[in-house]
PDB file of N, CA and C in Angstrom:
ATOM      1  N   UNK A   1      84.376  56.371  67.324  1.00  0.00           N
ATOM      2  CA  UNK A   1      83.878  56.750  66.024  1.00  0.00           C
ATOM      3  C   UNK A   1      82.956  55.227  65.318  1.00  0.00           C
ATOM      4  N   UNK A   2      81.649  55.802  64.876  1.00  0.00           N
ATOM      5  CA  UNK A   2      80.847  54.567  64.448  1.00  0.00           C
ATOM      6  C   UNK A   2      81.135  53.686  63.245  1.00  0.00           C
ATOM      7  N   UNK A   3      82.239  54.761  62.244  1.00  0.00           N
ATOM      8  CA  UNK A   3      82.958  54.308  60.996  1.00  0.00           C
ATOM      9  C   UNK A   3      83.595  55.210  60.377  1.00  0.00           C
ATOM     10  N   UNK A   4      84.086  54.681  58.964  1.00  0.00           N
ATOM     11  CA  UNK A   4      85.006  55.399  58.219  1.00  0.00           C
ATOM     12  C   UNK A   4      84.707  55.048  56.456  1.00  0.00           C
ATOM     13  N   UNK A   5      84.414  55.838  55.970  1.00  0.00           N
ATOM     14  CA  UNK A   5      84.272  55.709  54.614  1.00  0.00           C
ATOM     15  C   UNK A   5      85.536  55.799  53.690  1.00  0.00           C
ATOM     16  N   UNK A   6      85.986  54.735  52.645  1.00  0.00           N
ATOM     17  CA  UNK A   6      86.883  55.229  52.550  1.00  0.00           C
ATOM     18  C   UNK A   6      86.388  54.617  50.980  1.00  0.00           C
ATOM     19  N   UNK A   7      86.644  54.891  49.710  1.00  0.00           N
ATOM     20  CA  UNK A   7      85.581  55.213  48.748  1.00  0.00           C
ATOM     21  C   UNK A   7      84.750  54.839  48.394  1.00  0.00           C
ATOM     22  N   UNK A   8      84.186  53.343  48.422  1.00  0.00           N
ATOM     23  CA  UNK A   8      82.598  52.999  48.199  1.00  0.00           C
ATOM     24  C   UNK A   8      82.444  51.849  49.377  1.00  0.00           C
ATOM     25  N   UNK A   9      83.462  52.041  50.287  1.00  0.00           N
ATOM     26  CA  UNK A   9      83.321  51.010  51.232  1.00  0.00           C
ATOM     27  C   UNK A   9      82.991  51.941  52.259  1.00  0.00           C
ATOM     28  N   UNK A  10      82.498  51.052  53.392  1.00  0.00           N
ATOM     29  CA  UNK A  10      82.472  51.725  54.861  1.00  0.00           C
ATOM     30  C   UNK A  10      82.609  50.661  56.054  1.00  0.00           C
ATOM     31  N   UNK A  11      83.369  50.972  57.061  1.00  0.00           N
ATOM     32  CA  UNK A  11      83.576  50.452  57.751  1.00  0.00           C
ATOM     33  C   UNK A  11      82.899  50.470  59.145  1.00  0.00           C
ATOM     34  N   UNK A  12      82.559  49.535  59.568  1.00  0.00           N
ATOM     35  CA  UNK A  12      81.626  50.056  60.697  1.00  0.00           C
ATOM     36  C   UNK A  12      82.071  49.594  61.916  1.00  0.00           C
ATOM     37  N   UNK A  13      82.415  50.379  62.876  1.00  0.00           N
ATOM     38  CA  UNK A  13      82.789  49.835  64.205  1.00  0.00           C
ATOM     39  C   UNK A  13      81.651  49.076  64.793  1.00  0.00           C
ATOM     40  N   UNK A  14      82.805  48.266  66.050  1.00  0.00           N
ATOM     41  CA  UNK A  14      81.817  47.427  67.011  1.00  0.00           C
ATOM     42  C   UNK A  14      80.768  47.994  67.083  1.00  0.00           C
ATOM     43  N   UNK A  15      79.239  47.320  67.481  1.00  0.00           N
ATOM     44  CA  UNK A  15      77.802  47.655  67.802  1.00  0.00           C
ATOM     45  C   UNK A  15      76.975  46.513  68.607  1.00  0.00           C
ATOM     46  N   UNK A  16      76.946  46.939  69.318  1.00  0.00           N
ATOM     47  CA  UNK A  16      76.351  45.943  70.443  1.00  0.00           C
ATOM     48  C   UNK A  16      74.681  45.932  70.374  1.00  0.00           C
ATOM     49  N   UNK A  17      74.242  44.989  70.678  1.00  0.00           N
ATOM     50  CA  UNK A  17      72.718  45.112  71.090  1.00  0.00           C
ATOM     51  C   UNK A  17      72.552  46.220  71.907  1.00  0.00           C
ATOM     52  N   UNK A  18      72.269  47.350  71.312  1.00  0.00           N
ATOM     53  CA  UNK A  18      71.876  48.447  72.344  1.00  0.00           C
ATOM     54  C   UNK A  18      69.984  48.402  71.716  1.00  0.00           C
ATOM     55  N   UNK A  19      68.630  48.576  72.886  1.00  0.00           N
ATOM     56  CA  UNK A  19      67.658  48.578  73.033  1.00  0.00           C
ATOM     57  C   UNK A  19      66.863  49.813  72.214  1.00  0.00           C
ATOM     58  N   UNK A  20      66.202  50.165  71.708  1.00  0.00           N
ATOM     59  CA  UNK A  20      65.513  51.477  71.788  1.00  0.00           C
ATOM     60  C   UNK A  20      65.477  52.441  72.633  1.00  0.00           C
ATOM     61  N   UNK A  21      65.257  51.679  73.949  1.00  0.00           N
ATOM     62  CA  UNK A  21      64.912  52.718  75.678  1.00  0.00           C
ATOM     63  C   UNK A  21      66.761  52.687  76.219  1.00  0.00           C
ATOM     64  N   UNK A  22      67.708  52.323  75.316  1.00  0.00           N
ATOM     65  CA  UNK A  22      69.205  52.654  75.094  1.00  0.00           C
ATOM     66  C   UNK A  22      69.297  51.602  76.212  1.00  0.00           C
ATOM     67  N   UNK A  23      69.511  50.987  76.493  1.00  0.00           N
ATOM     68  CA  UNK A  23      69.734  49.261  77.379  1.00  0.00           C
ATOM     69  C   UNK A  23      70.208  48.440  76.945  1.00  0.00           C
ATOM     70  N   UNK A  24      71.029  47.535  76.776  1.00  0.00           N
ATOM     71  CA  UNK A  24      72.193  46.494  76.286  1.00  0.00           C
ATOM     72  C   UNK A  24      71.664  45.304  76.741  1.00  0.00           C
ATOM     73  N   UNK A  25      71.530  44.412  75.775  1.00  0.00           N
ATOM     74  CA  UNK A  25      71.308  42.661  76.288  1.00  0.00           C
ATOM     75  C   UNK A  25      73.212  42.644  76.349  1.00  0.00           C
ATOM     76  N   UNK A  26      73.383  42.096  77.604  1.00  0.00           N
ATOM     77  CA  UNK A  26      74.434  41.822  78.726  1.00  0.00           C
ATOM     78  C   UNK A  26      74.098  40.703  79.346  1.00  0.00           C
ATOM     79  N   UNK A  27      75.575  39.939  78.812  1.00  0.00           N
ATOM     80  CA  UNK A  27      75.211  38.472  79.687  1.00  0.00           C
ATOM     81  C   UNK A  27      76.226  37.536  78.731  1.00  0.00           C
ATOM     82  N   UNK A  28      76.615  36.549  79.513  1.00  0.00           N
ATOM     83  CA  UNK A  28      77.355  35.163  78.457  1.00  0.00           C
ATOM     84  C   UNK A  28      76.676  34.378  77.548  1.00  0.00           C
ATOM     85  N   UNK A  29      76.616  33.905  76.925  1.00  0.00           N
ATOM     86  CA  UNK A  29      76.131  32.899  75.679  1.00  0.00           C
ATOM     87  C   UNK A  29      76.441  31.590  76.646  1.00  0.00           C
ATOM     88  N   UNK A  30      75.822  30.856  77.161  1.00  0.00           N
ATOM     89  CA  UNK A  30      75.991  29.312  77.643  1.00  0.00           C
ATOM     90  C   UNK A  30      76.000  29.522  79.108  1.00  0.00           C
ATOM     91  N   UNK A  31      75.629  30.903  79.785  1.00  0.00           N
ATOM     92  CA  UNK A  31      75.788  30.704  81.375  1.00  0.00           C
ATOM     93  C   UNK A  31      74.360  31.696  81.233  1.00  0.00           C
ATOM     94  N   UNK A  32      74.118  32.923  81.386  1.00  0.00           N
ATOM     95  CA  UNK A  32      73.344  33.086  81.489  1.00  0.00           C
ATOM     96  C   UNK A  32      72.459  33.446  80.560  1.00  0.00           C
ATOM     97  N   UNK A  33      72.702  33.348  79.264  1.00  0.00           N
ATOM     98  CA  UNK A  33      71.981  33.311  78.122  1.00  0.00           C
ATOM     99  C   UNK A  33      71.857  31.901  77.401  1.00  0.00           C
ATOM    100  N   UNK A  34      70.794  31.577  76.543  1.00  0.00           N
ATOM    101  CA  UNK A  34      70.442  30.781  75.447  1.00  0.00           C
ATOM    102  C   UNK A  34      70.744  31.043  74.256  1.00  0.00           C
ATOM    103  N   UNK A  35      70.712  30.028  73.675  1.00  0.00           N
ATOM    104  CA  UNK A  35      71.202  30.780  71.845  1.00  0.00           C
ATOM    105  C   UNK A  35      70.046  31.378  71.223  1.00  0.00           C
ATOM    106  N   UNK A  36      68.592  31.204  71.537  1.00  0.00           N
ATOM    107  CA  UNK A  36      67.531  31.992  71.093  1.00  0.00           C
ATOM    108  C   UNK A  36      67.702  32.974  71.591  1.00  0.00           C
ATOM    109  N   UNK A  37      67.985  33.414  73.041  1.00  0.00           N
ATOM    110  CA  UNK A  37      68.190  34.932  73.399  1.00  0.00           C
ATOM    111  C   UNK A  37      69.242  35.553  73.087  1.00  0.00           C
ATOM    112  N   UNK A  38      70.468  34.924  72.638  1.00  0.00           N
ATOM    113  CA  UNK A  38      71.649  35.216  71.690  1.00  0.00           C
ATOM    114  C   UNK A  38      71.521  36.038  70.663  1.00  0.00           C
ATOM    115  N   UNK A  39      70.315  34.606  69.694  1.00  0.00           N
ATOM    116  CA  UNK A  39      69.775  34.837  68.037  1.00  0.00           C
ATOM    117  C   UNK A  39      69.043  36.379  68.387  1.00  0.00           C
ATOM    118  N   UNK A  40      68.185  36.696  69.642  1.00  0.00           N
ATOM    119  CA  UNK A  40      67.697  37.845  69.101  1.00  0.00           C
ATOM    120  C   UNK A  40      68.166  38.882  70.188  1.00  0.00           C
ATOM    121  N   UNK A  41      69.396  38.666  70.702  1.00  0.00           N
ATOM    122  CA  UNK A  41      70.533  40.119  70.906  1.00  0.00           C
ATOM    123  C   UNK A  41      71.244  40.336  69.549  1.00  0.00           C
ATOM    124  N   UNK A  42      71.570  39.436  68.731  1.00  0.00           N
ATOM    125  CA  UNK A  42      72.328  39.908  67.546  1.00  0.00           C
ATOM    126  C   UNK A  42      70.951  40.691  66.671  1.00  0.00           C
ATOM    127  N   UNK A  43      70.046  40.404  66.548  1.00  0.00           N
ATOM    128  CA  UNK A  43      69.043  40.910  65.864  1.00  0.00           C
ATOM    129  C   UNK A  43      68.893  42.658  66.246  1.00  0.00           C
ATOM    130  N   UNK A  44      69.045  42.841  68.230  1.00  0.00           N
ATOM    131  CA  UNK A  44      68.791  43.980  67.884  1.00  0.00           C
ATOM    132  C   UNK A  44      69.838  45.037  67.883  1.00  0.00           C
ATOM    133  N   UNK A  45      70.901  43.844  67.616  1.00  0.00           N
ATOM    134  CA  UNK A  45      72.520  45.009  67.310  1.00  0.00           C
ATOM    135  C   UNK A  45      72.329  45.163  65.828  1.00  0.00           C
ATOM    136  N   UNK A  46      71.719  44.438  65.216  1.00  0.00           N
ATOM    137  CA  UNK A  46      71.508  44.144  63.727  1.00  0.00           C
ATOM    138  C   UNK A  46      70.728  45.621  63.436  1.00  0.00           C
ATOM    139  N   UNK A  47      69.593  46.059  64.170  1.00  0.00           N
ATOM    140  CA  UNK A  47      68.477  47.151  64.042  1.00  0.00           C
ATOM    141  C   UNK A  47      69.732  48.205  64.667  1.00  0.00           C
ATOM    142  N   UNK A  48      70.217  48.226  65.023  1.00  0.00           N
ATOM    143  CA  UNK A  48      71.489  49.300  65.776  1.00  0.00           C
ATOM    144  C   UNK A  48      72.126  49.799  64.883  1.00  0.00           C
ATOM    145  N   UNK A  49      72.563  48.333  63.976  1.00  0.00           N
ATOM    146  CA  UNK A  49      73.578  48.471  63.240  1.00  0.00           C
ATOM    147  C   UNK A  49      72.946  49.292  62.065  1.00  0.00           C
ATOM    148  N   UNK A  50      71.967  48.923  61.705  1.00  0.00           N
ATOM    149  CA  UNK A  50      71.365  49.383  60.119  1.00  0.00           C
ATOM    150  C   UNK A  50      70.716  51.098  60.593  1.00  0.00           C
ATOM    151  N   UNK A  51      70.881  51.253  61.823  1.00  0.00           N
ATOM    152  CA  UNK A  51      70.268  52.968  62.028  1.00  0.00           C
ATOM    153  C   UNK A  51      71.532  53.240  62.253  1.00  0.00           C
ATOM    154  N   UNK A  52      72.940  52.816  62.617  1.00  0.00           N
ATOM    155  CA  UNK A  52      73.848  53.481  62.355  1.00  0.00           C
ATOM    156  C   UNK A  52      74.397  53.888  60.542  1.00  0.00           C
ATOM    157  N   UNK A  53      74.040  52.705  59.737  1.00  0.00           N
ATOM    158  CA  UNK A  53      74.749  52.548  58.554  1.00  0.00           C
ATOM    159  C   UNK A  53      74.018  53.677  57.971  1.00  0.00           C
ATOM    160  N   UNK A  54      72.378  54.150  58.209  1.00  0.00           N
ATOM    161  CA  UNK A  54      71.310  54.982  57.532  1.00  0.00           C
ATOM    162  C   UNK A  54      71.612  56.579  57.760  1.00  0.00           C
ATOM    163  N   UNK A  55      72.349  56.699  58.852  1.00  0.00           N
ATOM    164  CA  UNK A  55      73.013  57.976  59.342  1.00  0.00           C
ATOM    165  C   UNK A  55      74.495  58.282  59.215  1.00  0.00           C
ATOM    166  N   UNK A  56      75.132  57.265  58.493  1.00  0.00           N
ATOM    167  CA  UNK A  56      76.782  57.716  58.054  1.00  0.00           C
ATOM    168  C   UNK A  56      76.224  57.970  56.769  1.00  0.00           C
ATOM    169  N   UNK A  57      75.250  57.013  56.210  1.00  0.00           N
ATOM    170  CA  UNK A  57      75.029  56.971  54.304  1.00  0.00           C
ATOM    171  C   UNK A  57      74.271  58.055  54.045  1.00  0.00           C
ATOM    172  N   UNK A  58      73.237  57.914  54.514  1.00  0.00           N
ATOM    173  CA  UNK A  58      71.904  58.999  54.177  1.00  0.00           C
ATOM    174  C   UNK A  58      71.020  58.317  54.124  1.00  0.00           C
ATOM    175  N   UNK A  59      71.063  56.760  53.757  1.00  0.00           N
ATOM    176  CA  UNK A  59      69.946  55.642  53.004  1.00  0.00           C
ATOM    177  C   UNK A  59      70.656  54.806  53.216  1.00  0.00           C
ATOM    178  N   UNK A  60      69.844  53.523  53.397  1.00  0.00           N
ATOM    179  CA  UNK A  60      69.767  52.349  53.584  1.00  0.00           C
ATOM    180  C   UNK A  60      70.154  51.853  51.781  1.00  0.00           C
ATOM    181  N   UNK A  61      69.178  52.791  51.089  1.00  0.00           N
ATOM    182  CA  UNK A  61      68.829  52.850  49.891  1.00  0.00           C
ATOM    183  C   UNK A  61      70.502  52.371  49.420  1.00  0.00           C
ATOM    184  N   UNK A  62      71.532  53.474  50.041  1.00  0.00           N
ATOM    185  CA  UNK A  62      73.095  53.381  49.539  1.00  0.00           C
ATOM    186  C   UNK A  62      73.948  51.680  49.488  1.00  0.00           C
ATOM    187  N   UNK A  63      73.032  51.078  50.384  1.00  0.00           N
ATOM    188  CA  UNK A  63      73.493  50.174  50.216  1.00  0.00           C
ATOM    189  C   UNK A  63      73.914  48.726  49.327  1.00  0.00           C
ATOM    190  N   UNK A  64      75.531  48.837  48.611  1.00  0.00           N
ATOM    191  CA  UNK A  64      75.097  47.698  47.546  1.00  0.00           C
ATOM    192  C   UNK A  64      75.069  46.220  47.896  1.00  0.00           C
ATOM    193  N   UNK A  65      75.943  46.168  49.090  1.00  0.00           N
ATOM    194  CA  UNK A  65      76.233  44.666  49.694  1.00  0.00           C
ATOM    195  C   UNK A  65      76.561  44.896  50.528  1.00  0.00           C
ATOM    196  N   UNK A  66      76.643  43.688  52.003  1.00  0.00           N
ATOM    197  CA  UNK A  66      77.318  43.436  52.800  1.00  0.00           C
ATOM    198  C   UNK A  66      78.702  42.628  52.661  1.00  0.00           C
ATOM    199  N   UNK A  67      79.824  43.221  53.158  1.00  0.00           N
ATOM    200  CA  UNK A  67      80.808  42.325  52.144  1.00  0.00           C
ATOM    201  C   UNK A  67      81.658  41.966  53.148  1.00  0.00           C
ATOM    202  N   UNK A  68      81.623  41.842  54.647  1.00  0.00           N
ATOM    203  CA  UNK A  68      82.146  40.779  55.552  1.00  0.00           C
ATOM    204  C   UNK A  68      81.453  41.450  57.275  1.00  0.00           C
ATOM    205  N   UNK A  69      81.712  40.607  57.843  1.00  0.00           N
ATOM    206  CA  UNK A  69      80.433  40.646  59.468  1.00  0.00           C
ATOM    207  C   UNK A  69      81.652  39.926  60.131  1.00  0.00           C
ATOM    208  N   UNK A  70      81.782  40.568  61.128  1.00  0.00           N
ATOM    209  CA  UNK A  70      82.384  40.034  62.097  1.00  0.00           C
ATOM    210  C   UNK A  70      81.545  39.996  63.529  1.00  0.00           C
ATOM    211  N   UNK A  71      81.242  38.927  64.292  1.00  0.00           N
ATOM    212  CA  UNK A  71      79.963  38.535  65.175  1.00  0.00           C
ATOM    213  C   UNK A  71      80.834  38.214  66.220  1.00  0.00           C
ATOM    214  N   UNK A  72      80.908  39.058  67.115  1.00  0.00           N
ATOM    215  CA  UNK A  72      81.624  38.688  68.753  1.00  0.00           C
ATOM    216  C   UNK A  72      80.712  38.164  69.609  1.00  0.00           C
ATOM    217  N   UNK A  73      80.569  37.026  70.302  1.00  0.00           N
ATOM    218  CA  UNK A  73      79.650  36.223  71.383  1.00  0.00           C
ATOM    219  C   UNK A  73      80.401  36.490  72.223  1.00  0.00           C
ATOM    220  N   UNK A  74      80.415  36.935  74.085  1.00  0.00           N
ATOM    221  CA  UNK A  74      80.571  36.723  75.715  1.00  0.00           C
ATOM    222  C   UNK A  74      79.803  35.652  75.576  1.00  0.00           C
ATOM    223  N   UNK A  75      80.723  34.695  75.407  1.00  0.00           N
ATOM    224  CA  UNK A  75      80.430  33.170  76.021  1.00  0.00           C
ATOM    225  C   UNK A  75      81.085  32.097  76.799  1.00  0.00           C
ATOM    226  N   UNK A  76      80.753  31.740  77.963  1.00  0.00           N
ATOM    227  CA  UNK A  76      81.148  30.852  78.868  1.00  0.00           C
ATOM    228  C   UNK A  76      81.746  29.836  77.631  1.00  0.00           C
ATOM    229  N   UNK A  77      83.271  29.560  78.897  1.00  0.00           N
ATOM    230  CA  UNK A  77      84.583  28.533  77.804  1.00  0.00           C
ATOM    231  C   UNK A  77      83.802  27.524  77.290  1.00  0.00           C
ATOM    232  N   UNK A  78      82.730  26.769  77.823  1.00  0.00           N
ATOM    233  CA  UNK A  78      82.067  25.838  76.628  1.00  0.00           C
ATOM    234  C   UNK A  78      81.374  25.702  75.853  1.00  0.00           C
ATOM    235  N   UNK A  79      80.815  27.072  75.912  1.00  0.00           N
ATOM    236  CA  UNK A  79      80.107  27.622  74.613  1.00  0.00           C
ATOM    237  C   UNK A  79      80.872  27.277  72.908  1.00  0.00           C
ATOM    238  N   UNK A  80      79.753  26.535  72.402  1.00  0.00           N
ATOM    239  CA  UNK A  80      80.241  26.212  70.839  1.00  0.00           C
ATOM    240  C   UNK A  80      79.215  26.545  70.060  1.00  0.00           C
ATOM    241  N   UNK A  81      78.025  27.719  70.043  1.00  0.00           N
ATOM    242  CA  UNK A  81      77.172  27.698  68.920  1.00  0.00           C
ATOM    243  C   UNK A  81      77.581  29.242  68.647  1.00  0.00           C
ATOM    244  N   UNK A  82      78.294  29.958  68.786  1.00  0.00           N
ATOM    245  CA  UNK A  82      78.385  31.028  68.531  1.00  0.00           C
ATOM    246  C   UNK A  82      77.907  31.159  66.830  1.00  0.00           C
ATOM    247  N   UNK A  83      78.105  30.734  65.542  1.00  0.00           N
ATOM    248  CA  UNK A  83      77.306  30.781  64.697  1.00  0.00           C
ATOM    249  C   UNK A  83      75.788  30.567  64.757  1.00  0.00           C
ATOM    250  N   UNK A  84      74.902  29.935  65.746  1.00  0.00           N
ATOM    251  CA  UNK A  84      73.779  30.245  65.835  1.00  0.00           C
ATOM    252  C   UNK A  84      73.091  31.197  66.346  1.00  0.00           C
ATOM    253  N   UNK A  85      74.130  32.175  67.225  1.00  0.00           N
ATOM    254  CA  UNK A  85      73.660  32.936  67.903  1.00  0.00           C
ATOM    255  C   UNK A  85      73.981  34.516  66.754  1.00  0.00           C
ATOM    256  N   UNK A  86      74.669  34.248  66.093  1.00  0.00           N
ATOM    257  CA  UNK A  86      75.346  35.677  65.029  1.00  0.00           C
ATOM    258  C   UNK A  86      74.298  35.844  63.733  1.00  0.00           C
ATOM    259  N   UNK A  87      73.594  34.454  63.395  1.00  0.00           N
ATOM    260  CA  UNK A  87      72.478  34.579  62.757  1.00  0.00           C
ATOM    261  C   UNK A  87      71.701  35.066  62.754  1.00  0.00           C
ATOM    262  N   UNK A  88      71.000  35.485  64.107  1.00  0.00           N
ATOM    263  CA  UNK A  88      70.416  36.482  64.328  1.00  0.00           C
ATOM    264  C   UNK A  88      70.268  38.019  63.452  1.00  0.00           C
ATOM    265  N   UNK A  89      72.067  38.637  63.316  1.00  0.00           N
ATOM    266  CA  UNK A  89      72.191  39.257  62.912  1.00  0.00           C
ATOM    267  C   UNK A  89      72.234  38.893  61.147  1.00  0.00           C
ATOM    268  N   UNK A  90      72.728  38.083  60.616  1.00  0.00           N
ATOM    269  CA  UNK A  90      72.798  37.768  59.596  1.00  0.00           C
ATOM    270  C   UNK A  90      71.801  37.797  58.805  1.00  0.00           C
ATOM    271  N   UNK A  91      70.713  37.009  59.589  1.00  0.00           N
ATOM    272  CA  UNK A  91      69.059  36.685  58.908  1.00  0.00           C
ATOM    273  C   UNK A  91      68.767  38.295  58.541  1.00  0.00           C
ATOM    274  N   UNK A  92      68.930  38.681  59.518  1.00  0.00           N
ATOM    275  CA  UNK A  92      68.314  40.117  59.291  1.00  0.00           C
ATOM    276  C   UNK A  92      68.678  41.255  58.046  1.00  0.00           C
ATOM    277  N   UNK A  93      70.351  40.921  57.640  1.00  0.00           N
ATOM    278  CA  UNK A  93      70.548  41.583  56.876  1.00  0.00           C
ATOM    279  C   UNK A  93      69.741  41.019  55.382  1.00  0.00           C
ATOM    280  N   UNK A  94      70.184  39.379  55.499  1.00  0.00           N
ATOM    281  CA  UNK A  94      69.315  39.038  54.353  1.00  0.00           C
ATOM    282  C   UNK A  94      67.962  39.510  54.219  1.00  0.00           C
ATOM    283  N   UNK A  95      67.289  39.746  55.089  1.00  0.00           N
ATOM    284  CA  UNK A  95      65.897  40.100  55.087  1.00  0.00           C
ATOM    285  C   UNK A  95      65.474  41.696  54.254  1.00  0.00           C
ATOM    286  N   UNK A  96      66.368  42.519  54.703  1.00  0.00           N
ATOM    287  CA  UNK A  96      66.741  43.833  54.686  1.00  0.00           C
ATOM    288  C   UNK A  96      67.304  44.054  53.324  1.00  0.00           C
ATOM    289  N   UNK A  97      68.376  43.338  52.560  1.00  0.00           N
ATOM    290  CA  UNK A  97      69.269  43.658  51.816  1.00  0.00           C
ATOM    291  C   UNK A  97      68.972  42.439  50.555  1.00  0.00           C
ATOM    292  N   UNK A  98      68.231  41.691  50.890  1.00  0.00           N
ATOM    293  CA  UNK A  98      68.288  40.347  50.114  1.00  0.00           C
ATOM    294  C   UNK A  98      69.681  39.408  49.676  1.00  0.00           C
ATOM    295  N   UNK A  99      69.790  38.975  49.232  1.00  0.00           N
ATOM    296  CA  UNK A  99      71.245  38.332  48.705  1.00  0.00           C
ATOM    297  C   UNK A  99      72.339  39.061  48.921  1.00  0.00           C
ATOM    298  N   UNK A 100      72.275  40.979  48.434  1.00  0.00           N
ATOM    299  CA  UNK A 100      73.098  41.347  48.737  1.00  0.00           C
ATOM    300  C   UNK A 100      73.935  41.877  50.703  1.00  0.00           C
ATOM    301  N   UNK A 101      72.596  41.067  51.214  1.00  0.00           N
ATOM    302  CA  UNK A 101      72.703  41.039  52.416  1.00  0.00           C
ATOM    303  C   UNK A 101      73.937  40.292  53.127  1.00  0.00           C
ATOM    304  N   UNK A 102      74.164  39.029  52.242  1.00  0.00           N
ATOM    305  CA  UNK A 102      74.724  37.929  52.638  1.00  0.00           C
ATOM    306  C   UNK A 102      76.102  37.888  52.442  1.00  0.00           C
ATOM    307  N   UNK A 103      77.214  38.331  53.232  1.00  0.00           N
ATOM    308  CA  UNK A 103      78.694  38.724  53.120  1.00  0.00           C
ATOM    309  C   UNK A 103      79.351  37.407  53.414  1.00  0.00           C
ATOM    310  N   UNK A 104      80.691  37.611  53.623  1.00  0.00           N
ATOM    311  CA  UNK A 104      81.552  36.349  53.979  1.00  0.00           C
ATOM    312  C   UNK A 104      81.064  36.867  55.549  1.00  0.00           C
ATOM    313  N   UNK A 105      81.754  36.110  56.736  1.00  0.00           N
ATOM    314  CA  UNK A 105      81.089  36.355  57.778  1.00  0.00           C
ATOM    315  C   UNK A 105      82.123  35.148  58.845  1.00  0.00           C
ATOM    316  N   UNK A 106      82.323  35.953  60.193  1.00  0.00           N
ATOM    317  CA  UNK A 106      83.115  35.201  61.419  1.00  0.00           C
ATOM    318  C   UNK A 106      82.270  35.206  62.495  1.00  0.00           C
ATOM    319  N   UNK A 107      82.383  34.102  62.930  1.00  0.00           N
ATOM    320  CA  UNK A 107      81.378  34.162  64.371  1.00  0.00           C
ATOM    321  C   UNK A 107      82.761  33.724  65.698  1.00  0.00           C
ATOM    322  N   UNK A 108      82.343  34.534  66.480  1.00  0.00           N
ATOM    323  CA  UNK A 108      83.536  33.962  67.392  1.00  0.00           C
ATOM    324  C   UNK A 108      83.572  34.262  68.873  1.00  0.00           C
ATOM    325  N   UNK A 109      83.719  33.238  69.789  1.00  0.00           N
ATOM    326  CA  UNK A 109      83.934  33.800  71.248  1.00  0.00           C
ATOM    327  C   UNK A 109      84.588  34.508  71.792  1.00  0.00           C
ATOM    328  N   UNK A 110      84.254  34.888  72.440  1.00  0.00           N
ATOM    329  CA  UNK A 110      85.270  36.032  73.446  1.00  0.00           C
ATOM    330  C   UNK A 110      84.550  35.923  75.205  1.00  0.00           C
ATOM    331  N   UNK A 111      86.006  36.013  75.814  1.00  0.00           N
ATOM    332  CA  UNK A 111      85.493  35.818  77.255  1.00  0.00           C
ATOM    333  C   UNK A 111      84.728  36.741  77.626  1.00  0.00           C
ATOM    334  N   UNK A 112      84.859  38.149  77.307  1.00  0.00           N
ATOM    335  CA  UNK A 112      84.247  39.312  77.786  1.00  0.00           C
ATOM    336  C   UNK A 112      83.754  40.294  76.664  1.00  0.00           C
ATOM    337  N   UNK A 113      82.969  41.106  76.473  1.00  0.00           N
ATOM    338  CA  UNK A 113      82.858  42.111  75.938  1.00  0.00           C
ATOM    339  C   UNK A 113      82.670  43.221  76.431  1.00  0.00           C
ATOM    340  N   UNK A 114      82.640  44.805  75.965  1.00  0.00           N
ATOM    341  CA  UNK A 114      82.570  45.644  77.060  1.00  0.00           C
ATOM    342  C   UNK A 114      81.319  46.251  77.424  1.00  0.00           C
ATOM    343  N   UNK A 115      81.564  45.886  79.052  1.00  0.00           N
ATOM    344  CA  UNK A 115      79.985  46.150  79.772  1.00  0.00           C
ATOM    345  C   UNK A 115      79.576  45.152  79.877  1.00  0.00           C
ATOM    346  N   UNK A 116      79.681  43.771  80.090  1.00  0.00           N
ATOM    347  CA  UNK A 116      79.204  42.846  79.983  1.00  0.00           C
ATOM    348  C   UNK A 116      77.839  42.293  78.462  1.00  0.00           C
ATOM    349  N   UNK A 117      77.769  43.281  77.335  1.00  0.00           N
ATOM    350  CA  UNK A 117      76.950  43.030  76.289  1.00  0.00           C
ATOM    351  C   UNK A 117      77.403  41.598  76.139  1.00  0.00           C
ATOM    352  N   UNK A 118      75.912  41.044  75.677  1.00  0.00           N
ATOM    353  CA  UNK A 118      75.941  39.454  74.740  1.00  0.00           C
ATOM    354  C   UNK A 118      76.810  39.191  73.327  1.00  0.00           C
ATOM    355  N   UNK A 119      76.402  40.050  72.853  1.00  0.00           N
ATOM    356  CA  UNK A 119      77.470  40.241  71.377  1.00  0.00           C
ATOM    357  C   UNK A 119      77.685  41.133  71.129  1.00  0.00           C
ATOM    358  N   UNK A 120      78.480  41.372  69.676  1.00  0.00           N
ATOM    359  CA  UNK A 120      79.198  42.980  69.550  1.00  0.00           C
ATOM    360  C   UNK A 120      79.346  42.550  67.921  1.00  0.00           C
ATOM    361  N   UNK A 121      79.272  43.253  67.264  1.00  0.00           N
ATOM    362  CA  UNK A 121      79.374  43.222  65.723  1.00  0.00           C
ATOM    363  C   UNK A 121      79.987  43.956  64.794  1.00  0.00           C
ATOM    364  N   UNK A 122      81.208  43.699  64.075  1.00  0.00           N
ATOM    365  CA  UNK A 122      81.501  44.632  63.264  1.00  0.00           C
ATOM    366  C   UNK A 122      80.945  44.193  61.943  1.00  0.00           C
ATOM    367  N   UNK A 123      81.646  45.502  60.905  1.00  0.00           N
ATOM    368  CA  UNK A 123      80.721  44.900  59.275  1.00  0.00           C
ATOM    369  C   UNK A 123      81.643  45.795  58.373  1.00  0.00           C
ATOM    370  N   UNK A 124      81.824  45.580  57.106  1.00  0.00           N
ATOM    371  CA  UNK A 124      81.709  46.205  55.865  1.00  0.00           C
ATOM    372  C   UNK A 124      80.899  46.156  54.874  1.00  0.00           C
ATOM    373  N   UNK A 125      80.717  46.981  54.391  1.00  0.00           N
ATOM    374  CA  UNK A 125      79.695  47.333  53.371  1.00  0.00           C
ATOM    375  C   UNK A 125      79.917  48.098  52.447  1.00  0.00           C
ATOM    376  N   UNK A 126      80.034  47.925  51.453  1.00  0.00           N
ATOM    377  CA  UNK A 126      80.005  48.507  49.898  1.00  0.00           C
ATOM    378  C   UNK A 126      78.728  49.482  49.883  1.00  0.00           C
ATOM    379  N   UNK A 127      79.299  50.681  49.332  1.00  0.00           N
ATOM    380  CA  UNK A 127      78.277  51.820  48.853  1.00  0.00           C
ATOM    381  C   UNK A 127      77.903  52.113  47.953  1.00  0.00           C
ATOM    382  N   UNK A 128      76.682  52.280  47.368  1.00  0.00           N
ATOM    383  CA  UNK A 128      76.277  52.528  45.580  1.00  0.00           C
ATOM    384  C   UNK A 128      76.669  54.165  45.690  1.00  0.00           C
ATOM    385  N   UNK A 129      77.001  54.799  44.628  1.00  0.00           N
ATOM    386  CA  UNK A 129      77.799  56.019  44.284  1.00  0.00           C
ATOM    387  C   UNK A 129      76.478  56.930  44.690  1.00  0.00           C
TER     388      UNK A 129
END
């Protein structure tokens, strides 16, 4: 399931960096990918998440604000730049929604992600009635 709405909140399940051709950005940050490539992967995930929000909410205009973002980074054991990678997602949300796109955020490293994806994002948004 891509998301669940309760009241004015839309909880969005994990979304990876899926390109328009259906492929995913794969690899481990600090081993296969550098911070710039991770930033770009997080931005790709952001575009996929925006598409998901539009599908579930009917329009991006219904987003009142981003409440919470959890950014998971497929990271090598010594990689410590998770926040810089997830900035690719966060910066896009601010570009699209202005200050309402700046929610609480966590950026964490994982030993692996499904299918070897480079990053995965979960988020909660508040919807306008």
